[in-house]
Amino acid sequence: AQRALAQSMARQLWPGGIHVALVIIDGIVDLPWLRAELPDRP
C-alpha cells in the first residue's frame, strides 16, 4: 500500500517540482541486536 501510494503521489506531484521517490530495502539492516541474533553472518 505504501508503494502504491508513492507511485500515485509521484505521478501527480512530479510536474509541480516535488520529487517523490521510494527506496526498497532488500536485506537485514545492520543493528546491534540483529548482529547478536546472527553472529555468524559476515
All heavy atoms as atom14 arrays in JSON, in Angstrom:
{
  "sequence": "AQRALAQSMARQLWPGGIHVALVIIDGIVDLPWLRAELPDRP",
  "atom14_mask": [
    [1, 1, 1, 1, 1, 0, 0, 0, 0, 0, 0, 0, 0, 0],
    [1, 1, 1, 1, 1, 1, 1, 1, 1, 0, 0, 0, 0, 0],
    [1, 1, 1, 1, 1, 1, 1, 1, 1, 1, 1, 0, 0, 0],
    [1, 1, 1, 1, 1, 0, 0, 0, 0, 0, 0, 0, 0, 0],
    [1, 1, 1, 1, 1, 1, 1, 1, 0, 0, 0, 0, 0, 0],
    [1, 1, 1, 1, 1, 0, 0, 0, 0, 0, 0, 0, 0, 0],
    [1, 1, 1, 1, 1, 1, 1, 1, 1, 0, 0, 0, 0, 0],
    [1, 1, 1, 1, 1, 1, 0, 0, 0, 0, 0, 0, 0, 0],
    [1, 1, 1, 1, 1, 1, 1, 1, 0, 0, 0, 0, 0, 0],
    [1, 1, 1, 1, 1, 0, 0, 0, 0, 0, 0, 0, 0, 0],
    [1, 1, 1, 1, 1, 1, 1, 1, 1, 1, 1, 0, 0, 0],
    [1, 1, 1, 1, 1, 1, 1, 1, 1, 0, 0, 0, 0, 0],
    [1, 1, 1, 1, 1, 1, 1, 1, 0, 0, 0, 0, 0, 0],
    [1, 1, 1, 1, 1, 1, 1, 1, 1, 1, 1, 1, 1, 1],
    [1, 1, 1, 1, 1, 1, 1, 0, 0, 0, 0, 0, 0, 0],
    [1, 1, 1, 1, 0, 0, 0, 0, 0, 0, 0, 0, 0, 0],
    [1, 1, 1, 1, 0, 0, 0, 0, 0, 0, 0, 0, 0, 0],
    [1, 1, 1, 1, 1, 1, 1, 1, 0, 0, 0, 0, 0, 0],
    [1, 1, 1, 1, 1, 1, 1, 1, 1, 1, 0, 0, 0, 0],
    [1, 1, 1, 1, 1, 1, 1, 0, 0, 0, 0, 0, 0, 0],
    [1, 1, 1, 1, 1, 0, 0, 0, 0, 0, 0, 0, 0, 0],
    [1, 1, 1, 1, 1, 1, 1, 1, 0, 0, 0, 0, 0, 0],
    [1, 1, 1, 1, 1, 1, 1, 0, 0, 0, 0, 0, 0, 0],
    [1, 1, 1, 1, 1, 1, 1, 1, 0, 0, 0, 0, 0, 0],
    [1, 1, 1, 1, 1, 1, 1, 1, 0, 0, 0, 0, 0, 0],
    [1, 1, 1, 1, 1, 1, 1, 1, 0, 0, 0, 0, 0, 0],
    [1, 1, 1, 1, 0, 0, 0, 0, 0, 0, 0, 0, 0, 0],
    [1, 1, 1, 1, 1, 1, 1, 1, 0, 0, 0, 0, 0, 0],
    [1, 1, 1, 1, 1, 1, 1, 0, 0, 0, 0, 0, 0, 0],
    [1, 1, 1, 1, 1, 1, 1, 1, 0, 0, 0, 0, 0, 0],
    [1, 1, 1, 1, 1, 1, 1, 1, 0, 0, 0, 0, 0, 0],
    [1, 1, 1, 1, 1, 1, 1, 0, 0, 0, 0, 0, 0, 0],
    [1, 1, 1, 1, 1, 1, 1, 1, 1, 1, 1, 1, 1, 1],
    [1, 1, 1, 1, 1, 1, 1, 1, 0, 0, 0, 0, 0, 0],
    [1, 1, 1, 1, 1, 1, 1, 1, 1, 1, 1, 0, 0, 0],
    [1, 1, 1, 1, 1, 0, 0, 0, 0, 0, 0, 0, 0, 0],
    [1, 1, 1, 1, 1, 1, 1, 1, 1, 0, 0, 0, 0, 0],
    [1, 1, 1, 1, 1, 1, 1, 1, 0, 0, 0, 0, 0, 0],
    [1, 1, 1, 1, 1, 1, 1, 0, 0, 0, 0, 0, 0, 0],
    [1, 1, 1, 1, 1, 1, 1, 1, 0, 0, 0, 0, 0, 0],
    [1, 1, 1, 1, 1, 1, 1, 1, 1, 1, 1, 0, 0, 0],
    [1, 1, 1, 1, 1, 1, 1, 0, 0, 0, 0, 0, 0, 0]
  ],
  "atom14_positions": [
    [[0.83, -1.21, 0.0], [0.0, 0.0, 0.0], [0.86, 1.25, 0.0], [0.56, 2.23, -0.7], [-0.93, -0.01, 1.22], [0.0, 0.0, 0.0], [0.0, 0.0, 0.0], [0.0, 0.0, 0.0], [0.0, 0.0, 0.0], [0.0, 0.0, 0.0], [0.0, 0.0, 0.0], [0.0, 0.0, 0.0], [0.0, 0.0, 0.0], [0.0, 0.0, 0.0]],
    [[1.94, 1.24, 0.77], [2.85, 2.38, 0.81], [3.47, 2.62, -0.57], [3.56, 3.76, -1.03], [3.95, 2.13, 1.84], [4.92, 3.28, 2.02], [6.08, 2.89, 2.89], [6.97, 2.14, 2.46], [6.07, 3.36, 4.14], [0.0, 0.0, 0.0], [0.0, 0.0, 0.0], [0.0, 0.0, 0.0], [0.0, 0.0, 0.0], [0.0, 0.0, 0.0]],
    [[3.88, 1.55, -1.22], [4.49, 1.68, -2.56], [3.49, 2.23, -3.57], [3.82, 3.12, -4.37], [5.01, 0.32, -3.01], [5.68, 0.32, -4.39], [6.32, -1.03, -4.65], [6.97, -1.05, -5.95], [6.46, -1.6, -7.05], [5.25, -2.17, -7.0], [7.11, -1.58, -8.19], [0.0, 0.0, 0.0], [0.0, 0.0, 0.0], [0.0, 0.0, 0.0]],
    [[2.26, 1.73, -3.54], [1.24, 2.22, -4.46], [0.92, 3.69, -4.19], [0.71, 4.48, -5.12], [-0.02, 1.37, -4.36], [0.0, 0.0, 0.0], [0.0, 0.0, 0.0], [0.0, 0.0, 0.0], [0.0, 0.0, 0.0], [0.0, 0.0, 0.0], [0.0, 0.0, 0.0], [0.0, 0.0, 0.0], [0.0, 0.0, 0.0], [0.0, 0.0, 0.0]],
    [[0.89, 4.07, -2.92], [0.68, 5.48, -2.57], [1.8, 6.33, -3.14], [1.55, 7.4, -3.72], [0.63, 5.62, -1.05], [0.64, 7.05, -0.5], [-0.61, 7.82, -0.94], [0.78, 7.04, 1.02], [0.0, 0.0, 0.0], [0.0, 0.0, 0.0], [0.0, 0.0, 0.0], [0.0, 0.0, 0.0], [0.0, 0.0, 0.0], [0.0, 0.0, 0.0]],
    [[3.05, 5.88, -2.99], [4.19, 6.64, -3.51], [4.1, 6.79, -5.03], [4.37, 7.87, -5.57], [5.5, 5.95, -3.12], [0.0, 0.0, 0.0], [0.0, 0.0, 0.0], [0.0, 0.0, 0.0], [0.0, 0.0, 0.0], [0.0, 0.0, 0.0], [0.0, 0.0, 0.0], [0.0, 0.0, 0.0], [0.0, 0.0, 0.0], [0.0, 0.0, 0.0]],
    [[3.71, 5.74, -5.73], [3.54, 5.83, -7.18], [2.48, 6.86, -7.55], [2.68, 7.68, -8.46], [3.14, 4.47, -7.76], [4.26, 3.45, -7.82], [3.78, 2.14, -8.4], [2.63, 1.73, -8.17], [4.63, 1.47, -9.15], [0.0, 0.0, 0.0], [0.0, 0.0, 0.0], [0.0, 0.0, 0.0], [0.0, 0.0, 0.0], [0.0, 0.0, 0.0]],
    [[1.36, 6.81, -6.86], [0.28, 7.75, -7.15], [0.73, 9.19, -6.91], [0.46, 10.09, -7.72], [-0.94, 7.42, -6.27], [-1.97, 8.37, -6.46], [0.0, 0.0, 0.0], [0.0, 0.0, 0.0], [0.0, 0.0, 0.0], [0.0, 0.0, 0.0], [0.0, 0.0, 0.0], [0.0, 0.0, 0.0], [0.0, 0.0, 0.0], [0.0, 0.0, 0.0]],
    [[1.43, 9.42, -5.79], [1.91, 10.76, -5.48], [2.92, 11.23, -6.51], [2.92, 12.4, -6.93], [2.51, 10.8, -4.08], [1.53, 10.59, -2.96], [2.15, 11.11, -1.33], [3.77, 10.4, -1.27], [0.0, 0.0, 0.0], [0.0, 0.0, 0.0], [0.0, 0.0, 0.0], [0.0, 0.0, 0.0], [0.0, 0.0, 0.0], [0.0, 0.0, 0.0]],
    [[3.82, 10.34, -6.92], [4.84, 10.73, -7.89], [4.21, 11.18, -9.2], [4.59, 12.21, -9.78], [5.81, 9.57, -8.12], [0.0, 0.0, 0.0], [0.0, 0.0, 0.0], [0.0, 0.0, 0.0], [0.0, 0.0, 0.0], [0.0, 0.0, 0.0], [0.0, 0.0, 0.0], [0.0, 0.0, 0.0], [0.0, 0.0, 0.0], [0.0, 0.0, 0.0]],
    [[3.23, 10.44, -9.67], [2.59, 10.78, -10.94], [1.83, 12.11, -10.86], [1.74, 12.85, -11.84], [1.63, 9.66, -11.37], [2.38, 8.39, -11.79], [1.43, 7.23, -11.98], [2.15, 6.02, -12.36], [2.36, 5.61, -13.61], [1.92, 6.33, -14.63], [3.0, 4.5, -13.85], [0.0, 0.0, 0.0], [0.0, 0.0, 0.0], [0.0, 0.0, 0.0]],
    [[1.32, 12.41, -9.68], [0.6, 13.67, -9.51], [1.55, 14.84, -9.28], [1.34, 15.94, -9.83], [-0.34, 13.57, -8.32], [-1.03, 14.89, -7.97], [-1.69, 14.86, -6.61], [-1.78, 13.82, -5.96], [-2.13, 16.02, -6.14], [0.0, 0.0, 0.0], [0.0, 0.0, 0.0], [0.0, 0.0, 0.0], [0.0, 0.0, 0.0], [0.0, 0.0, 0.0]],
    [[2.6, 14.65, -8.47], [3.37, 15.77, -7.94], [4.65, 16.09, -8.7], [5.15, 17.22, -8.6], [3.71, 15.49, -6.46], [2.51, 15.35, -5.52], [2.96, 14.91, -4.14], [1.73, 16.65, -5.44], [0.0, 0.0, 0.0], [0.0, 0.0, 0.0], [0.0, 0.0, 0.0], [0.0, 0.0, 0.0], [0.0, 0.0, 0.0], [0.0, 0.0, 0.0]],
    [[5.18, 15.14, -9.44], [6.41, 15.44, -10.18], [6.28, 16.68, -11.07], [7.19, 17.52, -11.1], [6.83, 14.24, -11.01], [7.62, 13.19, -10.29], [7.62, 12.93, -8.95], [8.51, 12.25, -10.88], [8.45, 11.88, -8.66], [9.01, 11.44, -9.82], [8.93, 12.0, -12.18], [9.93, 10.4, -10.06], [9.83, 10.96, -12.41], [10.33, 10.19, -11.36]],
    [[5.17, 16.83, -11.82], [5.1, 18.01, -12.69], [5.17, 19.34, -11.94], [5.53, 20.36, -12.53], [3.74, 17.85, -13.4], [3.48, 16.37, -13.37], [4.03, 15.93, -12.04], [0.0, 0.0, 0.0], [0.0, 0.0, 0.0], [0.0, 0.0, 0.0], [0.0, 0.0, 0.0], [0.0, 0.0, 0.0], [0.0, 0.0, 0.0], [0.0, 0.0, 0.0]],
    [[4.83, 19.33, -10.65], [4.9, 20.55, -9.86], [6.23, 20.75, -9.17], [6.36, 21.67, -8.33], [0.0, 0.0, 0.0], [0.0, 0.0, 0.0], [0.0, 0.0, 0.0], [0.0, 0.0, 0.0], [0.0, 0.0, 0.0], [0.0, 0.0, 0.0], [0.0, 0.0, 0.0], [0.0, 0.0, 0.0], [0.0, 0.0, 0.0], [0.0, 0.0, 0.0]],
    [[7.22, 19.9, -9.49], [8.55, 20.08, -8.92], [8.81, 19.31, -7.64], [9.86, 19.49, -7.01], [0.0, 0.0, 0.0], [0.0, 0.0, 0.0], [0.0, 0.0, 0.0], [0.0, 0.0, 0.0], [0.0, 0.0, 0.0], [0.0, 0.0, 0.0], [0.0, 0.0, 0.0], [0.0, 0.0, 0.0], [0.0, 0.0, 0.0], [0.0, 0.0, 0.0]],
    [[7.87, 18.47, -7.23], [8.03, 17.69, -6.0], [8.47, 16.27, -6.37], [7.72, 15.53, -7.01], [6.73, 17.65, -5.18], [6.27, 19.07, -4.84], [6.94, 16.84, -3.89], [4.91, 19.12, -4.16], [0.0, 0.0, 0.0], [0.0, 0.0, 0.0], [0.0, 0.0, 0.0], [0.0, 0.0, 0.0], [0.0, 0.0, 0.0], [0.0, 0.0, 0.0]],
    [[9.67, 15.93, -5.98], [10.23, 14.62, -6.32], [9.82, 13.6, -5.26], [10.28, 13.66, -4.12], [11.75, 14.71, -6.39], [12.41, 13.44, -6.82], [13.77, 13.26, -6.75], [11.91, 12.28, -7.34], [14.08, 12.05, -7.21], [12.97, 11.43, -7.55], [0.0, 0.0, 0.0], [0.0, 0.0, 0.0], [0.0, 0.0, 0.0], [0.0, 0.0, 0.0]],
    [[8.94, 12.7, -5.62], [8.54, 11.6, -4.75], [9.3, 10.36, -5.19], [9.31, 10.01, -6.37], [7.02, 11.34, -4.82], [6.64, 10.18, -3.89], [6.24, 12.59, -4.47], [0.0, 0.0, 0.0], [0.0, 0.0, 0.0], [0.0, 0.0, 0.0], [0.0, 0.0, 0.0], [0.0, 0.0, 0.0], [0.0, 0.0, 0.0], [0.0, 0.0, 0.0]],
    [[9.96, 9.7, -4.24], [10.77, 8.54, -4.57], [10.65, 7.49, -3.46], [10.29, 7.8, -2.32], [12.24, 8.93, -4.76], [0.0, 0.0, 0.0], [0.0, 0.0, 0.0], [0.0, 0.0, 0.0], [0.0, 0.0, 0.0], [0.0, 0.0, 0.0], [0.0, 0.0, 0.0], [0.0, 0.0, 0.0], [0.0, 0.0, 0.0], [0.0, 0.0, 0.0]],
    [[10.97, 6.25, -3.83], [10.86, 5.13, -2.91], [12.17, 4.34, -2.92], [12.7, 4.02, -3.99], [9.71, 4.21, -3.34], [9.47, 2.94, -2.53], [8.89, 3.28, -1.16], [8.52, 2.0, -3.28], [0.0, 0.0, 0.0], [0.0, 0.0, 0.0], [0.0, 0.0, 0.0], [0.0, 0.0, 0.0], [0.0, 0.0, 0.0], [0.0, 0.0, 0.0]],
    [[12.69, 4.05, -1.73], [13.87, 3.19, -1.59], [13.39, 1.85, -1.05], [12.85, 1.78, 0.06], [14.92, 3.79, -0.63], [16.13, 2.85, -0.53], [15.35, 5.16, -1.11], [0.0, 0.0, 0.0], [0.0, 0.0, 0.0], [0.0, 0.0, 0.0], [0.0, 0.0, 0.0], [0.0, 0.0, 0.0], [0.0, 0.0, 0.0], [0.0, 0.0, 0.0]],
    [[13.55, 0.8, -1.83], [13.16, -0.54, -1.39], [14.38, -1.21, -0.78], [15.36, -1.49, -1.46], [12.61, -1.37, -2.56], [11.26, -0.79, -3.02], [12.46, -2.83, -2.16], [10.59, -1.58, -4.11], [0.0, 0.0, 0.0], [0.0, 0.0, 0.0], [0.0, 0.0, 0.0], [0.0, 0.0, 0.0], [0.0, 0.0, 0.0], [0.0, 0.0, 0.0]],
    [[14.32, -1.45, 0.53], [15.41, -2.12, 1.23], [15.21, -3.63, 1.11], [14.17, -4.16, 1.49], [15.43, -1.74, 2.73], [15.46, -0.22, 2.9], [16.6, -2.42, 3.43], [16.76, 0.43, 2.68], [0.0, 0.0, 0.0], [0.0, 0.0, 0.0], [0.0, 0.0, 0.0], [0.0, 0.0, 0.0], [0.0, 0.0, 0.0], [0.0, 0.0, 0.0]],
    [[16.21, -4.31, 0.56], [16.15, -5.75, 0.42], [17.32, -6.34, 1.21], [18.44, -6.43, 0.71], [16.25, -6.15, -1.06], [16.07, -7.64, -1.26], [15.6, -8.32, -0.32], [16.39, -8.13, -2.35], [0.0, 0.0, 0.0], [0.0, 0.0, 0.0], [0.0, 0.0, 0.0], [0.0, 0.0, 0.0], [0.0, 0.0, 0.0], [0.0, 0.0, 0.0]],
    [[17.06, -6.69, 2.46], [18.12, -7.22, 3.3], [17.88, -6.86, 4.75], [16.88, -6.23, 5.1], [0.0, 0.0, 0.0], [0.0, 0.0, 0.0], [0.0, 0.0, 0.0], [0.0, 0.0, 0.0], [0.0, 0.0, 0.0], [0.0, 0.0, 0.0], [0.0, 0.0, 0.0], [0.0, 0.0, 0.0], [0.0, 0.0, 0.0], [0.0, 0.0, 0.0]],
    [[18.81, -7.25, 5.59], [18.71, -7.03, 7.03], [19.62, -5.87, 7.41], [20.82, -5.88, 7.12], [19.09, -8.3, 7.81], [18.08, -9.42, 7.47], [19.12, -8.04, 9.3], [18.4, -10.74, 8.11], [0.0, 0.0, 0.0], [0.0, 0.0, 0.0], [0.0, 0.0, 0.0], [0.0, 0.0, 0.0], [0.0, 0.0, 0.0], [0.0, 0.0, 0.0]],
    [[19.04, -4.86, 8.02], [19.8, -3.66, 8.39], [20.75, -3.98, 9.55], [20.4, -4.72, 10.46], [18.84, -2.51, 8.77], [19.62, -1.29, 9.24], [17.96, -2.16, 7.58], [0.0, 0.0, 0.0], [0.0, 0.0, 0.0], [0.0, 0.0, 0.0], [0.0, 0.0, 0.0], [0.0, 0.0, 0.0], [0.0, 0.0, 0.0], [0.0, 0.0, 0.0]],
    [[21.94, -3.42, 9.47], [22.99, -3.69, 10.46], [22.68, -2.94, 11.77], [22.96, -1.76, 11.92], [24.34, -3.24, 9.91], [25.5, -3.75, 10.75], [25.25, -4.42, 11.76], [26.66, -3.48, 10.39], [0.0, 0.0, 0.0], [0.0, 0.0, 0.0], [0.0, 0.0, 0.0], [0.0, 0.0, 0.0], [0.0, 0.0, 0.0], [0.0, 0.0, 0.0]],
    [[22.08, -3.67, 12.71], [21.77, -3.15, 14.04], [22.36, -4.09, 15.08], [22.43, -5.31, 14.86], [20.26, -3.05, 14.24], [19.53, -2.01, 13.37], [18.03, -2.22, 13.45], [19.89, -0.61, 13.81], [0.0, 0.0, 0.0], [0.0, 0.0, 0.0], [0.0, 0.0, 0.0], [0.0, 0.0, 0.0], [0.0, 0.0, 0.0], [0.0, 0.0, 0.0]],
    [[22.78, -3.58, 16.23], [23.44, -4.43, 17.23], [22.62, -5.65, 17.63], [23.16, -6.76, 17.76], [23.65, -3.47, 18.41], [23.75, -2.12, 17.77], [22.81, -2.15, 16.62], [0.0, 0.0, 0.0], [0.0, 0.0, 0.0], [0.0, 0.0, 0.0], [0.0, 0.0, 0.0], [0.0, 0.0, 0.0], [0.0, 0.0, 0.0], [0.0, 0.0, 0.0]],
    [[21.33, -5.49, 17.84], [20.53, -6.62, 18.3], [20.37, -7.68, 17.2], [20.28, -8.87, 17.49], [19.18, -6.16, 18.83], [18.25, -5.56, 17.82], [18.19, -4.26, 17.43], [17.23, -6.24, 17.07], [17.2, -4.08, 16.48], [16.6, -5.28, 16.26], [16.8, -7.57, 17.03], [15.56, -5.61, 15.39], [15.75, -7.9, 16.17], [15.14, -6.91, 15.37]],
    [[20.39, -7.25, 15.93], [20.34, -8.22, 14.84], [21.68, -8.93, 14.68], [21.74, -10.12, 14.37], [19.93, -7.53, 13.54], [18.47, -7.1, 13.46], [18.22, -6.23, 12.24], [17.56, -8.34, 13.43], [0.0, 0.0, 0.0], [0.0, 0.0, 0.0], [0.0, 0.0, 0.0], [0.0, 0.0, 0.0], [0.0, 0.0, 0.0], [0.0, 0.0, 0.0]],
    [[22.77, -8.19, 14.89], [24.09, -8.82, 14.89], [24.15, -9.92, 15.95], [24.72, -10.99, 15.73], [25.17, -7.77, 15.15], [25.46, -6.86, 13.99], [26.54, -7.47, 13.11], [26.96, -6.54, 12.08], [28.05, -6.69, 11.36], [28.85, -7.73, 11.55], [28.37, -5.82, 10.42], [0.0, 0.0, 0.0], [0.0, 0.0, 0.0], [0.0, 0.0, 0.0]],
    [[23.59, -9.64, 17.11], [23.62, -10.62, 18.2], [22.82, -11.87, 17.84], [23.17, -12.99, 18.24], [23.08, -9.99, 19.48], [0.0, 0.0, 0.0], [0.0, 0.0, 0.0], [0.0, 0.0, 0.0], [0.0, 0.0, 0.0], [0.0, 0.0, 0.0], [0.0, 0.0, 0.0], [0.0, 0.0, 0.0], [0.0, 0.0, 0.0], [0.0, 0.0, 0.0]],
    [[21.72, -11.68, 17.1], [20.9, -12.82, 16.7], [21.53, -13.61, 15.55], [21.2, -14.78, 15.35], [19.51, -12.35, 16.29], [18.65, -11.86, 17.45], [17.23, -11.6, 17.03], [16.9, -11.8, 15.84], [16.43, -11.21, 17.89], [0.0, 0.0, 0.0], [0.0, 0.0, 0.0], [0.0, 0.0, 0.0], [0.0, 0.0, 0.0], [0.0, 0.0, 0.0]],
    [[22.41, -12.95, 14.79], [23.02, -13.58, 13.61], [24.54, -13.47, 13.71], [25.19, -12.86, 12.86], [22.52, -12.91, 12.33], [21.0, -12.93, 12.12], [20.6, -11.96, 11.02], [20.54, -14.34, 11.77], [0.0, 0.0, 0.0], [0.0, 0.0, 0.0], [0.0, 0.0, 0.0], [0.0, 0.0, 0.0], [0.0, 0.0, 0.0], [0.0, 0.0, 0.0]],
    [[25.14, -14.06, 14.73], [26.56, -13.84, 14.99], [27.49, -14.41, 13.93], [28.65, -13.98, 13.83], [26.78, -14.53, 16.35], [25.72, -15.59, 16.4], [24.53, -14.99, 15.7], [0.0, 0.0, 0.0], [0.0, 0.0, 0.0], [0.0, 0.0, 0.0], [0.0, 0.0, 0.0], [0.0, 0.0, 0.0], [0.0, 0.0, 0.0], [0.0, 0.0, 0.0]],
    [[27.02, -15.36, 13.15], [27.9, -16.0, 12.15], [27.87, -15.31, 10.8], [28.58, -15.73, 9.88], [27.49, -17.47, 11.98], [27.65, -18.27, 13.27], [28.55, -17.92, 14.07], [26.85, -19.2, 13.49], [0.0, 0.0, 0.0], [0.0, 0.0, 0.0], [0.0, 0.0, 0.0], [0.0, 0.0, 0.0], [0.0, 0.0, 0.0], [0.0, 0.0, 0.0]],
    [[27.05, -14.28, 10.65], [26.95, -13.62, 9.35], [28.08, -12.6, 9.18], [28.37, -11.83, 10.1], [25.6, -12.93, 9.21], [24.41, -13.87, 9.32], [24.44, -14.99, 8.28], [23.39, -15.96, 8.44], [22.24, -15.94, 7.78], [22.02, -14.98, 6.89], [21.33, -16.86, 7.99], [0.0, 0.0, 0.0], [0.0, 0.0, 0.0], [0.0, 0.0, 0.0]],
    [[28.68, -12.54, 7.99], [29.77, -11.58, 7.76], [29.23, -10.17, 7.58], [28.02, -9.96, 7.39], [30.4, -12.09, 6.45], [29.27, -12.78, 5.75], [28.42, -13.4, 6.83], [0.0, 0.0, 0.0], [0.0, 0.0, 0.0], [0.0, 0.0, 0.0], [0.0, 0.0, 0.0], [0.0, 0.0, 0.0], [0.0, 0.0, 0.0], [0.0, 0.0, 0.0]]
  ]
}
